[in-house]
C-alpha atoms as a PDB file:
ATOM      1  CA  MET A   1     -29.537 -42.093 -30.335  1.00  0.00           C
ATOM      2  CA  ASN A   2     -26.540 -42.966 -32.262  1.00  0.00           C
ATOM      3  CA  ASN A   3     -23.110 -43.085 -30.626  1.00  0.00           C
ATOM      4  CA  ASN A   4     -21.850 -39.658 -31.668  1.00  0.00           C
ATOM      5  CA  SER A   5     -25.021 -38.228 -30.387  1.00  0.00           C
ATOM      6  CA  PHE A   6     -24.676 -39.863 -27.050  1.00  0.00           C
ATOM      7  CA  LEU A   7     -20.879 -38.951 -26.499  1.00  0.00           C
ATOM      8  CA  LEU A   8     -21.755 -35.050 -27.463  1.00  0.00           C
ATOM      9  CA  SER A   9     -24.834 -35.217 -25.138  1.00  0.00           C
ATOM     10  CA  ALA A  10     -22.694 -36.682 -22.183  1.00  0.00           C
ATOM     11  CA  LYS A  11     -19.988 -34.331 -22.976  1.00  0.00           C
ATOM     12  CA  ARG A  12     -22.099 -31.407 -22.325  1.00  0.00           C
ATOM     13  CA  ILE A  13     -23.626 -32.853 -19.095  1.00  0.00           C
ATOM     14  CA  CYS A  14     -20.376 -33.425 -17.916  1.00  0.00           C
ATOM     15  CA  ILE A  15     -19.059 -29.864 -18.829  1.00  0.00           C
ATOM     16  CA  ALA A  16     -22.264 -28.458 -17.200  1.00  0.00           C
ATOM     17  CA  ALA A  17     -21.357 -30.426 -14.083  1.00  0.00           C
ATOM     18  CA  PHE A  18     -17.943 -29.031 -13.848  1.00  0.00           C
ATOM     19  CA  LEU A  19     -18.903 -25.576 -14.532  1.00  0.00           C
ATOM     20  CA  SER A  20     -21.414 -26.182 -11.734  1.00  0.00           C
ATOM     21  CA  PHE A  21     -19.099 -27.550  -9.255  1.00  0.00           C
ATOM     22  CA  ASN A  22     -16.521 -24.771  -9.974  1.00  0.00           C
ATOM     23  CA  THR A  23     -19.293 -22.101  -9.384  1.00  0.00           C
ATOM     24  CA  VAL A  24     -20.686 -23.682  -6.342  1.00  0.00           C
ATOM     25  CA  MET A  25     -16.954 -23.787  -4.821  1.00  0.00           C
ATOM     26  CA  TYR A  26     -16.301 -20.604  -5.864  1.00  0.00           C
ATOM     27  CA  ALA A  27     -19.242 -19.471  -4.058  1.00  0.00           C
ATOM     28  CA  GLN A  28     -18.311 -21.162  -0.744  1.00  0.00           C
ATOM     29  CA  ARG A  29     -14.567 -19.829  -1.615  1.00  0.00           C
ATOM     30  CA  ALA A  30     -16.507 -16.016  -1.438  1.00  0.00           C
ATOM     31  CA  ALA A  31     -18.651 -17.063   1.400  1.00  0.00           C
ATOM     32  CA  ASP A  32     -15.910 -17.911   3.433  1.00  0.00           C
ATOM     33  CA  VAL A  33     -14.369 -14.088   3.061  1.00  0.00           C
ATOM     34  CA  SER A  34     -17.654 -13.001   4.724  1.00  0.00           C
ATOM     35  CA  THR A  35     -16.890 -14.943   7.731  1.00  0.00           C
ATOM     36  CA  ILE A  36     -13.689 -13.002   8.772  1.00  0.00           C
ATOM     37  CA  SER A  37     -14.347 -11.529  12.335  1.00  0.00           C
ATOM     38  CA  GLU A  38     -12.417  -9.889  15.135  1.00  0.00           C
ATOM     39  CA  LYS A  39     -12.005 -13.252  16.505  1.00  0.00           C
ATOM     40  CA  THR A  40     -10.169 -14.322  13.172  1.00  0.00           C
ATOM     41  CA  LEU A  41      -8.082 -11.328  13.659  1.00  0.00           C
ATOM     42  CA  ASN A  42      -7.417 -11.707  17.214  1.00  0.00           C
ATOM     43  CA  SER A  43      -6.292 -15.476  16.386  1.00  0.00           C
ATOM     44  CA  ILE A  44      -3.766 -14.395  13.657  1.00  0.00           C
ATOM     45  CA  LEU A  45      -2.461 -11.591  15.457  1.00  0.00           C
ATOM     46  CA  GLU A  46      -1.630 -13.406  18.808  1.00  0.00           C
ATOM     47  CA  LYS A  47       0.099 -16.338  16.712  1.00  0.00           C
ATOM     48  CA  ASN A  48       2.479 -13.786  14.935  1.00  0.00           C
ATOM     49  CA  ARG A  49       2.746 -11.265  17.745  1.00  0.00           C
ATOM     50  CA  THR A  50       6.503 -12.617  18.558  1.00  0.00           C
ATOM     51  CA  TYR A  51       7.746 -11.792  15.184  1.00  0.00           C
ATOM     52  CA  TYR A  52       8.351  -8.370  16.418  1.00  0.00           C
ATOM     53  CA  THR A  53      11.595  -9.916  18.267  1.00  0.00           C
ATOM     54  CA  GLN A  54      13.201 -10.673  14.787  1.00  0.00           C
ATOM     55  CA  GLY A  55      12.656  -7.215  13.696  1.00  0.00           C
ATOM     56  CA  LYS A  56      14.132  -3.815  14.310  1.00  0.00           C
ATOM     57  CA  VAL A  57      12.619  -0.505  14.778  1.00  0.00           C
ATOM     58  CA  ALA A  58      13.538   2.225  12.338  1.00  0.00           C
ATOM     59  CA  ASP A  59      16.065   4.385  14.078  1.00  0.00           C
ATOM     60  CA  TYR A  60      18.005   6.087  11.089  1.00  0.00           C
ATOM     61  CA  ILE A  61      14.902   9.091  11.533  1.00  0.00           C
ATOM     62  CA  PRO A  62      15.526   9.712  15.402  1.00  0.00           C
ATOM     63  CA  GLU A  63      11.792   9.984  16.232  1.00  0.00           C
ATOM     64  CA  LEU A  64      10.823   6.490  14.485  1.00  0.00           C
ATOM     65  CA  GLY A  65      13.122   4.926  17.046  1.00  0.00           C
ATOM     66  CA  LYS A  66      11.044   5.870  19.953  1.00  0.00           C
ATOM     67  CA  MET A  67       8.434   3.713  18.962  1.00  0.00           C
ATOM     68  CA  ASP A  68       7.095   0.795  20.946  1.00  0.00           C
ATOM     69  CA  ALA A  69       8.609  -2.022  19.479  1.00  0.00           C
ATOM     70  CA  GLY A  70       5.778  -4.616  20.824  1.00  0.00           C
ATOM     71  CA  ALA A  71       2.881  -2.793  19.547  1.00  0.00           C
ATOM     72  CA  ILE A  72       0.885  -4.894  16.915  1.00  0.00           C
ATOM     73  CA  ALA A  73      -2.522  -4.108  15.334  1.00  0.00           C
ATOM     74  CA  PHE A  74      -4.745  -5.813  12.765  1.00  0.00           C
ATOM     75  CA  SER A  75      -7.627  -4.384  10.789  1.00  0.00           C
ATOM     76  CA  VAL A  76      -9.950  -5.409   7.666  1.00  0.00           C
ATOM     77  CA  VAL A  77     -12.569  -3.408   5.957  1.00  0.00           C
ATOM     78  CA  GLY A  78     -14.723  -5.954   4.112  1.00  0.00           C
ATOM     79  CA  LYS A  79     -16.912  -5.468   1.009  1.00  0.00           C
ATOM     80  CA  SER A  80     -19.872  -4.342   2.461  1.00  0.00           C
ATOM     81  CA  GLY A  81     -17.558  -1.686   4.266  1.00  0.00           C
ATOM     82  CA  LYS A  82     -17.747  -3.485   7.589  1.00  0.00           C
ATOM     83  CA  ILE A  83     -14.939  -2.916   9.898  1.00  0.00           C
ATOM     84  CA  PHE A  84     -12.940  -5.792  11.931  1.00  0.00           C
ATOM     85  CA  ASN A  85     -10.056  -4.359  14.374  1.00  0.00           C
ATOM     86  CA  ALA A  86      -7.829  -6.475  16.535  1.00  0.00           C
ATOM     87  CA  GLY A  87      -4.682  -5.284  18.822  1.00  0.00           C
ATOM     88  CA  ASP A  88      -3.759  -1.879  19.490  1.00  0.00           C
ATOM     89  CA  VAL A  89      -6.035  -0.300  16.717  1.00  0.00           C
ATOM     90  CA  HIS A  90      -6.052   3.200  18.479  1.00  0.00           C
ATOM     91  CA  LYS A  91      -2.381   3.341  18.015  1.00  0.00           C
ATOM     92  CA  LYS A  92      -1.179   6.274  16.016  1.00  0.00           C
ATOM     93  CA  PHE A  93       1.967   5.830  13.640  1.00  0.00           C
ATOM     94  CA  THR A  94       3.200   7.602  10.716  1.00  0.00           C
ATOM     95  CA  MET A  95       2.463   6.700   7.329  1.00  0.00           C
ATOM     96  CA  GLN A  96       6.076   7.194   5.587  1.00  0.00           C
ATOM     97  CA  SER A  97       6.178   5.367   2.196  1.00  0.00           C
ATOM     98  CA  ILE A  98       2.390   4.393   2.413  1.00  0.00           C
ATOM     99  CA  SER A  99       1.765   8.172   1.770  1.00  0.00           C
ATOM    100  CA  LYS A 100       3.572   7.461  -2.195  1.00  0.00           C
ATOM    101  CA  ILE A 101       0.165   5.809  -3.349  1.00  0.00           C
ATOM    102  CA  ILE A 102      -1.965   8.906  -2.347  1.00  0.00           C
ATOM    103  CA  ALA A 103       0.685  11.451  -3.851  1.00  0.00           C
ATOM    104  CA  LEU A 104       0.670   9.182  -7.040  1.00  0.00           C
ATOM    105  CA  MET A 105      -2.857   9.143  -7.534  1.00  0.00           C
ATOM    106  CA  ILE A 106      -3.270  12.909  -7.409  1.00  0.00           C
ATOM    107  CA  ALA A 107      -0.450  13.554  -9.681  1.00  0.00           C
ATOM    108  CA  VAL A 108      -1.839  11.318 -12.124  1.00  0.00           C
ATOM    109  CA  ASN A 109      -5.200  13.356 -11.727  1.00  0.00           C
ATOM    110  CA  GLU A 110      -3.717  16.088 -12.536  1.00  0.00           C
ATOM    111  CA  LYS A 111      -0.944  15.733 -14.726  1.00  0.00           C
ATOM    112  CA  GLY A 112      -2.020  12.433 -16.829  1.00  0.00           C
ATOM    113  CA  GLU A 113      -0.299   8.818 -16.676  1.00  0.00           C
ATOM    114  CA  ALA A 114       1.514   9.578 -19.619  1.00  0.00           C
ATOM    115  CA  ASP A 115       3.172  12.849 -18.494  1.00  0.00           C
ATOM    116  CA  VAL A 116       3.997  11.588 -14.867  1.00  0.00           C
ATOM    117  CA  PHE A 117       5.409   7.956 -16.098  1.00  0.00           C
ATOM    118  CA  ASN A 118       7.538   9.815 -19.096  1.00  0.00           C
ATOM    119  CA  LYS A 119       9.667  11.030 -16.063  1.00  0.00           C
ATOM    120  CA  MET A 120      10.012   7.985 -14.548  1.00  0.00           C
ATOM    121  CA  GLY A 121       9.677   4.368 -14.802  1.00  0.00           C
ATOM    122  CA  TYR A 122       7.078   1.369 -14.129  1.00  0.00           C
ATOM    123  CA  PHE A 123       9.920  -0.953 -13.241  1.00  0.00           C
ATOM    124  CA  GLY A 124      10.123  -3.351 -10.346  1.00  0.00           C
ATOM    125  CA  THR A 125      13.273  -3.469  -8.205  1.00  0.00           C
ATOM    126  CA  ASP A 126      15.637  -5.536  -6.537  1.00  0.00           C
ATOM    127  CA  ARG A 127      16.995  -2.203  -4.496  1.00  0.00           C
ATOM    128  CA  PRO A 128      16.478  -0.981  -1.176  1.00  0.00           C
ATOM    129  CA  PHE A 129      14.090   2.056  -0.967  1.00  0.00           C
ATOM    130  CA  ASN A 130      16.199   4.510  -0.535  1.00  0.00           C
ATOM    131  CA  HIS A 131      18.660   3.521  -3.338  1.00  0.00           C
ATOM    132  CA  PHE A 132      19.810   6.057  -5.968  1.00  0.00           C
ATOM    133  CA  SER A 133      19.197   3.157  -8.802  1.00  0.00           C
ATOM    134  CA  ASN A 134      19.446   4.533 -12.254  1.00  0.00           C
ATOM    135  CA  LEU A 135      19.373   8.043 -11.471  1.00  0.00           C
ATOM    136  CA  GLU A 136      23.177   8.279 -12.572  1.00  0.00           C
ATOM    137  CA  THR A 137      22.648   6.697 -15.598  1.00  0.00           C
ATOM    138  CA  THR A 138      18.969   7.126 -17.345  1.00  0.00           C
ATOM    139  CA  GLY A 139      18.367  10.219 -15.157  1.00  0.00           C
ATOM    140  CA  LYS A 140      15.332   8.597 -14.437  1.00  0.00           C
ATOM    141  CA  PRO A 141      13.462   6.963 -11.270  1.00  0.00           C
ATOM    142  CA  LEU A 142      12.593   3.204 -11.622  1.00  0.00           C
ATOM    143  CA  ASN A 143       9.277   3.743 -10.286  1.00  0.00           C
ATOM    144  CA  PRO A 144       6.919   6.022  -7.976  1.00  0.00           C
ATOM    145  CA  MET A 145       7.306   3.573  -4.964  1.00  0.00           C
ATOM    146  CA  MET A 146      11.170   4.079  -4.441  1.00  0.00           C
ATOM    147  CA  ASN A 147      12.142   7.273  -2.467  1.00  0.00           C
ATOM    148  CA  ALA A 148      13.594   9.167  -5.367  1.00  0.00           C
ATOM    149  CA  GLY A 149      10.560   8.208  -7.576  1.00  0.00           C
ATOM    150  CA  ALA A 150       8.057   9.260  -4.602  1.00  0.00           C
ATOM    151  CA  ILE A 151      10.093  12.758  -4.384  1.00  0.00           C
ATOM    152  CA  LEU A 152       9.513  13.549  -7.985  1.00  0.00           C
ATOM    153  CA  THR A 153       6.046  12.383  -8.021  1.00  0.00           C
ATOM    154  CA  THR A 154       5.575  15.003  -4.940  1.00  0.00           C
ATOM    155  CA  SER A 155       6.902  17.473  -6.989  1.00  0.00           C
ATOM    156  CA  LEU A 156       4.686  17.264  -9.957  1.00  0.00           C
ATOM    157  CA  ILE A 157       1.676  18.255  -7.940  1.00  0.00           C
ATOM    158  CA  SER A 158       0.572  21.538  -8.478  1.00  0.00           C
ATOM    159  CA  GLY A 159       0.403  24.413  -6.208  1.00  0.00           C
ATOM    160  CA  GLU A 160       2.976  26.555  -4.360  1.00  0.00           C
ATOM    161  CA  GLY A 161       4.574  26.271  -0.766  1.00  0.00           C
ATOM    162  CA  GLU A 162       2.944  23.307   1.120  1.00  0.00           C
ATOM    163  CA  LYS A 163       0.036  23.219  -1.189  1.00  0.00           C
ATOM    164  CA  PRO A 164       0.531  19.805  -2.772  1.00  0.00           C
ATOM    165  CA  PHE A 165       1.078  18.655   1.036  1.00  0.00           C
ATOM    166  CA  LEU A 166      -2.226  19.879   1.903  1.00  0.00           C
ATOM    167  CA  LYS A 167      -3.686  18.044  -1.456  1.00  0.00           C
ATOM    168  CA  ILE A 168      -2.261  14.882  -0.015  1.00  0.00           C
ATOM    169  CA  LEU A 169      -3.236  15.490   3.683  1.00  0.00           C
ATOM    170  CA  ASP A 170      -7.210  16.223   2.489  1.00  0.00           C
ATOM    171  CA  LEU A 171      -7.205  13.040   0.450  1.00  0.00           C
ATOM    172  CA  VAL A 172      -5.978  10.771   3.167  1.00  0.00           C
ATOM    173  CA  ARG A 173      -8.562  12.504   5.443  1.00  0.00           C
ATOM    174  CA  TYR A 174     -11.339  11.798   2.518  1.00  0.00           C
ATOM    175  CA  ILE A 175     -10.305   8.149   2.013  1.00  0.00           C
ATOM    176  CA  THR A 176     -10.318   7.518   5.824  1.00  0.00           C
ATOM    177  CA  LYS A 177     -13.500   9.811   6.618  1.00  0.00           C
ATOM    178  CA  ASN A 178     -10.984  10.920   9.477  1.00  0.00           C
ATOM    179  CA  ASN A 179     -10.636  14.538   9.658  1.00  0.00           C
ATOM    180  CA  THR A 180      -8.484  14.512  12.493  1.00  0.00           C
ATOM    181  CA  ILE A 181      -5.885  12.956  10.580  1.00  0.00           C
ATOM    182  CA  ASP A 182      -2.625  15.251  10.985  1.00  0.00           C
ATOM    183  CA  TYR A 183       1.058  15.103  10.426  1.00  0.00           C
ATOM    184  CA  ASN A 184       3.396  14.806  13.291  1.00  0.00           C
ATOM    185  CA  THR A 185       5.495  17.699  13.488  1.00  0.00           C
ATOM    186  CA  SER A 186       8.149  15.918  15.495  1.00  0.00           C
ATOM    187  CA  VAL A 187       8.761  13.316  13.129  1.00  0.00           C
ATOM    188  CA  TYR A 188       8.601  16.028  10.261  1.00  0.00           C
ATOM    189  CA  GLU A 189      11.551  17.742  11.892  1.00  0.00           C
ATOM    190  CA  SER A 190      13.194  14.737  12.280  1.00  0.00           C
ATOM    191  CA  GLU A 191      12.962  13.782   8.704  1.00  0.00           C
ATOM    192  CA  LYS A 192      14.076  17.019   7.341  1.00  0.00           C
ATOM    193  CA  SER A 193      17.100  17.440   9.502  1.00  0.00           C
ATOM    194  CA  THR A 194      18.370  13.480   8.467  1.00  0.00           C
ATOM    195  CA  GLY A 195      17.161  13.213   4.909  1.00  0.00           C
ATOM    196  CA  HIS A 196      20.542  14.397   3.256  1.00  0.00           C
ATOM    197  CA  ARG A 197      20.330  11.376   1.310  1.00  0.00           C
ATOM    198  CA  ASN A 198      16.838  12.095  -0.034  1.00  0.00           C
ATOM    199  CA  ARG A 199      18.259  15.511  -0.671  1.00  0.00           C
ATOM    200  CA  GLY A 200      20.874  14.001  -2.647  1.00  0.00           C
ATOM    201  CA  MET A 201      18.183  12.634  -4.735  1.00  0.00           C
ATOM    202  CA  PHE A 202      16.335  15.612  -4.888  1.00  0.00           C
ATOM    203  CA  TYR A 203      19.389  17.747  -6.388  1.00  0.00           C
ATOM    204  CA  LEU A 204      20.568  14.983  -8.700  1.00  0.00           C
ATOM    205  CA  MET A 205      17.016  15.172 -10.141  1.00  0.00           C
ATOM    206  CA  LYS A 206      16.881  18.809  -9.967  1.00  0.00           C
ATOM    207  CA  ASN A 207      20.356  18.757 -12.180  1.00  0.00           C
ATOM    208  CA  ASN A 208      18.792  16.424 -14.677  1.00  0.00           C
ATOM    209  CA  GLY A 209      15.627  18.609 -15.176  1.00  0.00           C
ATOM    210  CA  LEU A 210      13.451  16.551 -13.579  1.00  0.00           C
ATOM    211  CA  ILE A 211      12.386  18.961 -11.064  1.00  0.00           C
ATOM    212  CA  SER A 212      12.449  22.445 -11.341  1.00  0.00           C
ATOM    213  CA  GLY A 213      11.325  23.775  -7.872  1.00  0.00           C
ATOM    214  CA  ASN A 214      13.194  24.278  -4.667  1.00  0.00           C
ATOM    215  CA  GLU A 215      13.113  22.456  -1.208  1.00  0.00           C
ATOM    216  CA  ASP A 216       9.618  23.339  -0.634  1.00  0.00           C
ATOM    217  CA  GLN A 217       8.867  20.320  -2.692  1.00  0.00           C
ATOM    218  CA  LEU A 218      11.412  18.018  -0.413  1.00  0.00           C
ATOM    219  CA  ASP A 219       9.524  19.354   2.766  1.00  0.00           C
ATOM    220  CA  ASN A 220       5.954  18.440   1.404  1.00  0.00           C
ATOM    221  CA  TYR A 221       7.615  15.073   0.711  1.00  0.00           C
ATOM    222  CA  PHE A 222       9.096  15.240   4.246  1.00  0.00           C
ATOM    223  CA  LYS A 223       5.376  15.977   5.563  1.00  0.00           C
ATOM    224  CA  GLN A 224       3.631  13.471   3.616  1.00  0.00           C
ATOM    225  CA  CYS A 225       5.618  10.708   5.129  1.00  0.00           C
ATOM    226  CA  SER A 226       4.924  12.217   8.789  1.00  0.00           C
ATOM    227  CA  ILE A 227       1.041  11.850   8.229  1.00  0.00           C
ATOM    228  CA  GLU A 228      -0.100  10.189  11.513  1.00  0.00           C
ATOM    229  CA  LEU A 229      -2.471   7.420  11.182  1.00  0.00           C
ATOM    230  CA  THR A 230      -4.137   3.906  12.708  1.00  0.00           C
ATOM    231  CA  ALA A 231      -4.449   0.512  11.020  1.00  0.00           C
ATOM    232  CA  GLU A 232      -7.857   1.041  10.462  1.00  0.00           C
ATOM    233  CA  ASP A 233      -7.142   3.976   8.203  1.00  0.00           C
ATOM    234  CA  LEU A 234      -4.729   1.808   6.355  1.00  0.00           C
ATOM    235  CA  ALA A 235      -7.597  -1.202   5.823  1.00  0.00           C
ATOM    236  CA  LYS A 236      -9.702   2.079   4.596  1.00  0.00           C
ATOM    237  CA  ILE A 237      -6.948   2.987   2.232  1.00  0.00           C
ATOM    238  CA  GLY A 238      -6.628  -0.584   0.827  1.00  0.00           C
ATOM    239  CA  TYR A 239     -10.105  -0.949   0.686  1.00  0.00           C
ATOM    240  CA  PHE A 240     -10.388   2.320  -1.442  1.00  0.00           C
ATOM    241  CA  PHE A 241      -7.970   1.242  -4.098  1.00  0.00           C
ATOM    242  CA  ALA A 242      -9.093  -2.359  -4.236  1.00  0.00           C
ATOM    243  CA  ASN A 243     -12.743  -1.050  -4.889  1.00  0.00           C
ATOM    244  CA  GLN A 244     -11.953   1.432  -8.017  1.00  0.00           C
ATOM    245  CA  CYS A 245     -11.423   4.444  -5.752  1.00  0.00           C
ATOM    246  CA  VAL A 246     -14.903   4.187  -4.151  1.00  0.00           C
ATOM    247  CA  ARG A 247     -14.687   4.689   0.011  1.00  0.00           C
ATOM    248  CA  PHE A 248     -15.617   2.296   2.353  1.00  0.00           C
ATOM    249  CA  ASP A 249     -19.176   4.117   2.988  1.00  0.00           C
ATOM    250  CA  GLY A 250     -19.904   3.799  -0.876  1.00  0.00           C
ATOM    251  CA  ASP A 251     -19.055   7.290  -1.729  1.00  0.00           C
ATOM    252  CA  SER A 252     -18.055   7.231  -5.457  1.00  0.00           C
ATOM    253  CA  ALA A 253     -16.776  10.857  -5.938  1.00  0.00           C
ATOM    254  CA  TYR A 254     -13.311   9.606  -7.155  1.00  0.00           C
ATOM    255  CA  LYS A 255     -14.327   6.250  -8.610  1.00  0.00           C
ATOM    256  CA  ASN A 256     -11.964   5.765 -11.332  1.00  0.00           C
ATOM    257  CA  GLU A 257     -11.064   1.877 -12.206  1.00  0.00           C
ATOM    258  CA  ASP A 258      -8.216   2.764 -14.628  1.00  0.00           C
ATOM    259  CA  LEU A 259      -6.217   4.623 -11.797  1.00  0.00           C
ATOM    260  CA  ALA A 260      -7.006   2.069  -9.240  1.00  0.00           C
ATOM    261  CA  ARG A 261      -5.592  -0.486 -11.474  1.00  0.00           C
ATOM    262  CA  LEU A 262      -2.540   1.728 -12.191  1.00  0.00           C
ATOM    263  CA  ILE A 263      -1.625   2.199  -8.262  1.00  0.00           C
ATOM    264  CA  GLN A 264      -2.318  -1.391  -7.442  1.00  0.00           C
ATOM    265  CA  SER A 265      -0.036  -2.648 -10.256  1.00  0.00           C
ATOM    266  CA  GLN A 266       2.655  -0.554  -8.765  1.00  0.00           C
ATOM    267  CA  MET A 267       2.119  -1.597  -5.308  1.00  0.00           C
ATOM    268  CA  LEU A 268       2.508  -5.122  -6.432  1.00  0.00           C
ATOM    269  CA  ILE A 269       5.601  -4.547  -8.279  1.00  0.00           C
ATOM    270  CA  ALA A 270       7.387  -2.237  -6.268  1.00  0.00           C
ATOM    271  CA  GLY A 271       5.136  -1.791  -2.873  1.00  0.00           C
ATOM    272  CA  MET A 272       7.352  -4.143  -0.617  1.00  0.00           C
ATOM    273  CA  TYR A 273      10.622  -2.527  -2.382  1.00  0.00           C
ATOM    274  CA  GLU A 274      13.360  -5.483  -2.969  1.00  0.00           C
ATOM    275  CA  PHE A 275      10.944  -7.911  -1.247  1.00  0.00           C
ATOM    276  CA  SER A 276       8.288  -7.243  -3.852  1.00  0.00           C
ATOM    277  CA  GLY A 277       8.770 -10.213  -6.016  1.00  0.00           C
ATOM    278  CA  GLU A 278       8.949 -12.800  -3.433  1.00  0.00           C
ATOM    279  CA  TYR A 279       5.879 -11.164  -1.560  1.00  0.00           C
ATOM    280  CA  ALA A 280       4.013 -11.308  -4.851  1.00  0.00           C
ATOM    281  CA  ARG A 281       4.848 -15.117  -4.767  1.00  0.00           C
ATOM    282  CA  THR A 282       3.590 -15.833  -1.287  1.00  0.00           C
ATOM    283  CA  VAL A 283       0.926 -13.232  -0.348  1.00  0.00           C
ATOM    284  CA  GLY A 284       0.306 -12.209  -4.174  1.00  0.00           C
ATOM    285  CA  LEU A 285      -1.857  -8.893  -3.253  1.00  0.00           C
ATOM    286  CA  PRO A 286      -1.147  -5.336  -4.125  1.00  0.00           C
ATOM    287  CA  SER A 287       0.482  -3.580  -1.040  1.00  0.00           C
ATOM    288  CA  LYS A 288       2.252  -0.663   0.280  1.00  0.00           C
ATOM    289  CA  SER A 289       4.675  -1.037   3.259  1.00  0.00           C
ATOM    290  CA  GLY A 290       6.214   2.074   5.073  1.00  0.00           C
ATOM    291  CA  VAL A 291       9.193   2.101   7.772  1.00  0.00           C
ATOM    292  CA  GLY A 292       6.746   3.482  10.371  1.00  0.00           C
ATOM    293  CA  GLY A 293       5.621  -0.094  10.873  1.00  0.00           C
ATOM    294  CA  GLY A 294       2.365  -0.031   8.617  1.00  0.00           C
ATOM    295  CA  ILE A 295       1.354  -2.270   5.398  1.00  0.00           C
ATOM    296  CA  THR A 296      -1.666  -1.438   3.641  1.00  0.00           C
ATOM    297  CA  VAL A 297      -3.225  -4.089   1.303  1.00  0.00           C
ATOM    298  CA  SER A 298      -5.876  -4.471  -1.757  1.00  0.00           C
ATOM    299  CA  VAL A 299      -8.033  -7.367  -2.190  1.00  0.00           C
ATOM    300  CA  PRO A 300      -9.030  -6.282  -5.477  1.00  0.00           C
ATOM    301  CA  GLY A 301     -12.739  -5.935  -5.549  1.00  0.00           C
ATOM    302  CA  LYS A 302     -13.395  -7.397  -2.106  1.00  0.00           C
ATOM    303  CA  MET A 303     -11.386  -5.596   0.735  1.00  0.00           C
ATOM    304  CA  GLY A 304      -8.648  -3.790   2.454  1.00  0.00           C
ATOM    305  CA  ILE A 305      -6.320  -4.731   4.849  1.00  0.00           C
ATOM    306  CA  GLY A 306      -4.337  -2.597   7.359  1.00  0.00           C
ATOM    307  CA  VAL A 307      -1.613  -3.795   9.950  1.00  0.00           C
ATOM    308  CA  PHE A 308       1.042  -2.203  12.263  1.00  0.00           C
ATOM    309  CA  SER A 309       3.960  -3.336  13.927  1.00  0.00           C
ATOM    310  CA  PRO A 310       6.923  -0.999  13.996  1.00  0.00           C
ATOM    311  CA  ALA A 311       9.767  -3.814  14.388  1.00  0.00           C
ATOM    312  CA  LEU A 312      11.257  -3.985  10.382  1.00  0.00           C
ATOM    313  CA  ASP A 313      12.799  -6.979   8.651  1.00  0.00           C
ATOM    314  CA  ARG A 314      15.816  -6.334   6.665  1.00  0.00           C
ATOM    315  CA  HIS A 315      13.992  -5.134   3.472  1.00  0.00           C
ATOM    316  CA  GLY A 316      12.723  -2.182   5.792  1.00  0.00           C
ATOM    317  CA  ASN A 317       8.957  -4.027   5.718  1.00  0.00           C
ATOM    318  CA  SER A 318       6.743  -4.885   9.361  1.00  0.00           C
ATOM    319  CA  SER A 319       8.095  -8.478  10.403  1.00  0.00           C
ATOM    320  CA  ALA A 320       4.970  -9.313  12.617  1.00  0.00           C
ATOM    321  CA  GLY A 321       2.676  -7.481   9.716  1.00  0.00           C
ATOM    322  CA  TYR A 322       3.735  -9.514   6.956  1.00  0.00           C
ATOM    323  CA  HIS A 323       3.109 -12.736   8.760  1.00  0.00           C
ATOM    324  CA  MET A 324      -0.292 -11.385   9.825  1.00  0.00           C
ATOM    325  CA  ILE A 325      -1.089 -10.622   6.088  1.00  0.00           C
ATOM    326  CA  LEU A 326       0.317 -14.097   4.777  1.00  0.00           C
ATOM    327  CA  ASP A 327      -1.570 -16.103   7.231  1.00  0.00           C
ATOM    328  CA  LEU A 328      -4.882 -14.076   6.432  1.00  0.00           C
ATOM    329  CA  VAL A 329      -3.996 -14.763   2.662  1.00  0.00           C
ATOM    330  CA  LYS A 330      -3.565 -18.447   3.252  1.00  0.00           C
ATOM    331  CA  GLN A 331      -6.574 -19.105   5.268  1.00  0.00           C
ATOM    332  CA  TYR A 332      -9.064 -17.439   2.917  1.00  0.00           C
ATOM    333  CA  ASP A 333      -7.125 -18.284  -0.106  1.00  0.00           C
ATOM    334  CA  LEU A 334      -7.139 -14.416  -1.209  1.00  0.00           C
ATOM    335  CA  SER A 335      -3.853 -14.343  -3.117  1.00  0.00           C
ATOM    336  CA  LEU A 336      -4.564 -13.117  -7.067  1.00  0.00           C
ATOM    337  CA  PHE A 337      -2.646 -16.243  -8.484  1.00  0.00           C
END
């Protein structure tokens, strides 16, 4: 064997060994995910429980201010659909902005992505969730995750009266396989009576020709935000979008890889509002928060994560919830990056 042949053979052996090593390492990493248990979640939950003291329960909607600041829950739905829970997993809270990803799915299914995003942007933002942003300049919301874009998204869902809301509620019930889910009428009334800023966005978009209906459409938005569920339900929602819109029990009635990518991309760039950029750096996963204290997380192709703790940080995201997610991501190397 001449020197060139020897070097070529040696190079091939090294490459094969390298690929084999990396395959083994990836397999070990993937296997590690399968070791997640309720003990794991309990350990992470207890470590981060006291972060609620660094936050504040939302009280700009009076009914939300009645939540127990110390309540906390952590849920994971694994690749096989197996569910792991820790903490106050039976505690119900309202979806608030997490409902936006459900409404977006329905609007895109009905109208098509091009039509929906012709009326709003794909952009991220450095502004709070209730900021008017560029409504007064370009006339269009920045994205469907901020309130203005979400109000517009819900208005695009077909149907008169509360039909659009009922479509959102039905889809939440389907994804979670939980037909007992409903909206909290007290929270709805509280949101409606104090939602003047959202009402201003609604009429500004109506003035700009983006919305043609009446305030029934805004009522549907208030109702969708008032849908009550648990951390486990959020984990199932996270799982759904992480797995091409296939339900945790394998039901593939809504399977749509492209739509799942669209939803997750919006979650990644704008799902945590002005904290989204930093969150992408630290957590690196598509996530959507709500001022009710919940966060749903999609680990693409793997699992869904749901957390709940109503005390919010200055960005309007659950303080303890964020830290629980961060610890799980670090422990199992779940970040996309």
